[in-house]
Amino acid sequence: MDPVSAATCLYNECDVETVNWALSKIGPQPMENLGQEPSSIAWRGRASTYIICSNDLAIHSALQTVLADRCTFAVEWSTGHSPFASDPQMLSDFLAGLAYVLQRGACPRWPVRYALISIPK
């Protein structure tokens, strides 16, 4: 992916400094990887969570919904493709809260915006 497309599609909600940092980390992705069979598929046997990024310009929202339906839980954020880069604090808070919830069953200080949507199977 060329740098302009990457900046537009992957880092559309990042500041210029973060975009430049992220672009410096991008490398080629061998196309062979897309045709490989995984030896196991973790979401089939373990609890999993999908974050639907509603402002994602790289993965269409309909595909994100299909992927989220495979998971145990889903949450939808109004973010672009890379919340780890655009709002790392939000993502780390979410992951810490998720770990707490899964270990203890509840997190009294977990903000409502992180509420998990249970996906019926």
Protein backbone atom coordinates (compact mmCIF):
# COMPACT_ATOMS: atom_id res chain seq x y z
CA MET A 1 0.00 0.00 0.00
CA ASP A 2 1.39 3.38 -0.91
CA PRO A 3 1.90 5.92 1.91
CA VAL A 4 -0.93 8.24 0.82
CA SER A 5 -3.46 5.38 0.73
CA ALA A 6 -2.18 4.03 4.05
CA ALA A 7 -2.48 7.44 5.69
CA THR A 8 -5.99 7.89 4.30
CA CYS A 9 -7.37 4.40 4.91
CA LEU A 10 -5.50 3.15 7.97
CA TYR A 11 -4.65 6.27 9.96
CA ASN A 12 -7.43 8.70 9.02
CA GLU A 13 -7.99 9.77 12.64
CA CYS A 14 -4.35 10.17 13.64
CA ASP A 15 -2.36 13.35 13.97
CA VAL A 16 0.47 13.99 11.49
CA GLU A 17 3.19 12.87 13.90
CA THR A 18 1.43 9.54 14.54
CA VAL A 19 0.78 9.01 10.83
CA ASN A 20 4.47 9.57 10.06
CA TRP A 21 5.47 7.16 12.84
CA ALA A 22 3.02 4.50 11.62
CA LEU A 23 4.09 4.86 7.99
CA SER A 24 7.70 4.31 9.03
CA LYS A 25 6.66 0.91 10.47
CA ILE A 26 4.74 -0.37 7.43
CA GLY A 27 6.38 -3.05 5.34
CA PRO A 28 5.37 -5.33 2.50
CA GLN A 29 2.85 -8.07 3.23
CA PRO A 30 3.47 -11.26 1.26
CA MET A 31 0.32 -12.23 -0.63
CA GLU A 32 1.05 -15.91 0.11
CA ASN A 33 -0.03 -15.23 3.71
CA LEU A 34 -3.60 -14.66 2.56
CA GLY A 35 -3.86 -18.16 1.12
CA GLN A 36 -2.43 -20.11 4.04
CA GLU A 37 -4.53 -22.45 6.19
CA PRO A 38 -4.21 -21.73 9.92
CA SER A 39 -3.26 -24.63 12.16
CA SER A 40 -5.95 -23.55 14.63
CA ILE A 41 -8.59 -20.83 14.91
CA ALA A 42 -8.63 -19.38 18.41
CA TRP A 43 -12.05 -17.68 18.29
CA ARG A 44 -13.70 -21.08 17.78
CA GLY A 45 -12.52 -22.39 21.14
CA ARG A 46 -11.86 -19.33 23.28
CA ALA A 47 -13.78 -16.25 24.33
CA SER A 48 -13.04 -13.46 21.89
CA THR A 49 -13.91 -9.81 21.42
CA TYR A 50 -14.17 -7.80 18.21
CA ILE A 51 -13.99 -4.01 18.13
CA ILE A 52 -16.08 -2.73 15.25
CA CYS A 53 -14.55 0.56 14.06
CA SER A 54 -17.45 2.47 12.48
CA ASN A 55 -15.18 5.04 10.78
CA ASP A 56 -12.87 2.39 9.31
CA LEU A 57 -11.98 3.16 5.69
CA ALA A 58 -10.08 -0.10 5.16
CA ILE A 59 -12.56 -2.78 6.27
CA HIS A 60 -16.19 -2.31 5.26
CA SER A 61 -18.67 -2.20 8.15
CA ALA A 62 -20.62 -5.18 6.75
CA LEU A 63 -17.49 -7.35 6.85
CA GLN A 64 -16.69 -6.14 10.36
CA THR A 65 -20.17 -7.21 11.44
CA VAL A 66 -19.63 -10.69 9.96
CA LEU A 67 -16.29 -10.97 11.77
CA ALA A 68 -17.81 -9.69 15.03
CA ASP A 69 -20.63 -12.24 14.79
CA ARG A 70 -18.02 -14.99 15.10
CA CYS A 71 -16.82 -13.64 18.43
CA THR A 72 -18.17 -14.01 21.94
CA PHE A 73 -18.43 -10.25 22.43
CA ALA A 74 -18.31 -7.15 20.29
CA VAL A 75 -18.11 -3.45 20.94
CA GLU A 76 -18.52 -0.67 18.39
CA TRP A 77 -16.40 2.46 18.49
CA SER A 78 -16.62 5.60 16.37
CA THR A 79 -13.00 5.27 15.33
CA GLY A 80 -11.00 4.65 12.21
CA HIS A 81 -9.04 1.49 11.42
CA SER A 82 -6.27 2.07 13.96
CA PRO A 83 -7.55 3.05 17.42
CA PHE A 84 -4.28 1.69 18.84
CA ALA A 85 -2.59 4.63 17.10
CA SER A 86 -5.30 7.31 17.21
CA ASP A 87 -6.37 6.74 20.83
CA PRO A 88 -4.02 4.29 22.56
CA GLN A 89 -5.31 5.27 26.01
CA MET A 90 -8.87 4.32 25.08
CA LEU A 91 -7.70 0.95 23.77
CA SER A 92 -5.50 0.21 26.78
CA ASP A 93 -8.31 1.19 29.17
CA PHE A 94 -10.67 -1.11 27.27
CA LEU A 95 -8.25 -4.03 27.36
CA ALA A 96 -7.56 -3.54 31.08
CA GLY A 97 -11.31 -3.38 31.77
CA LEU A 98 -11.96 -6.42 29.61
CA ALA A 99 -9.31 -8.41 31.47
CA TYR A 100 -10.85 -7.35 34.78
CA VAL A 101 -14.37 -8.28 33.66
CA LEU A 102 -13.30 -11.68 32.35
CA GLN A 103 -11.37 -12.47 35.54
CA ARG A 104 -13.81 -11.10 38.11
CA GLY A 105 -17.14 -10.82 36.32
CA ALA A 106 -17.61 -7.05 36.70
CA CYS A 107 -15.72 -3.77 36.66
CA PRO A 108 -17.59 -1.01 38.53
CA ARG A 109 -15.50 1.81 37.03
CA TRP A 110 -15.60 0.58 33.42
CA PRO A 111 -17.09 3.42 31.32
CA VAL A 112 -20.41 2.73 29.60
CA ARG A 113 -18.78 3.34 26.19
CA TYR A 114 -16.97 0.06 26.68
CA ALA A 115 -20.12 -1.98 27.23
CA LEU A 116 -19.80 -5.34 25.53
CA ILE A 117 -22.45 -6.58 23.19
CA SER A 118 -22.99 -10.29 23.70
CA ILE A 119 -23.28 -12.01 20.35
CA PRO A 120 -26.02 -14.68 20.41
CA LYS A 121 -24.86 -18.00 18.95
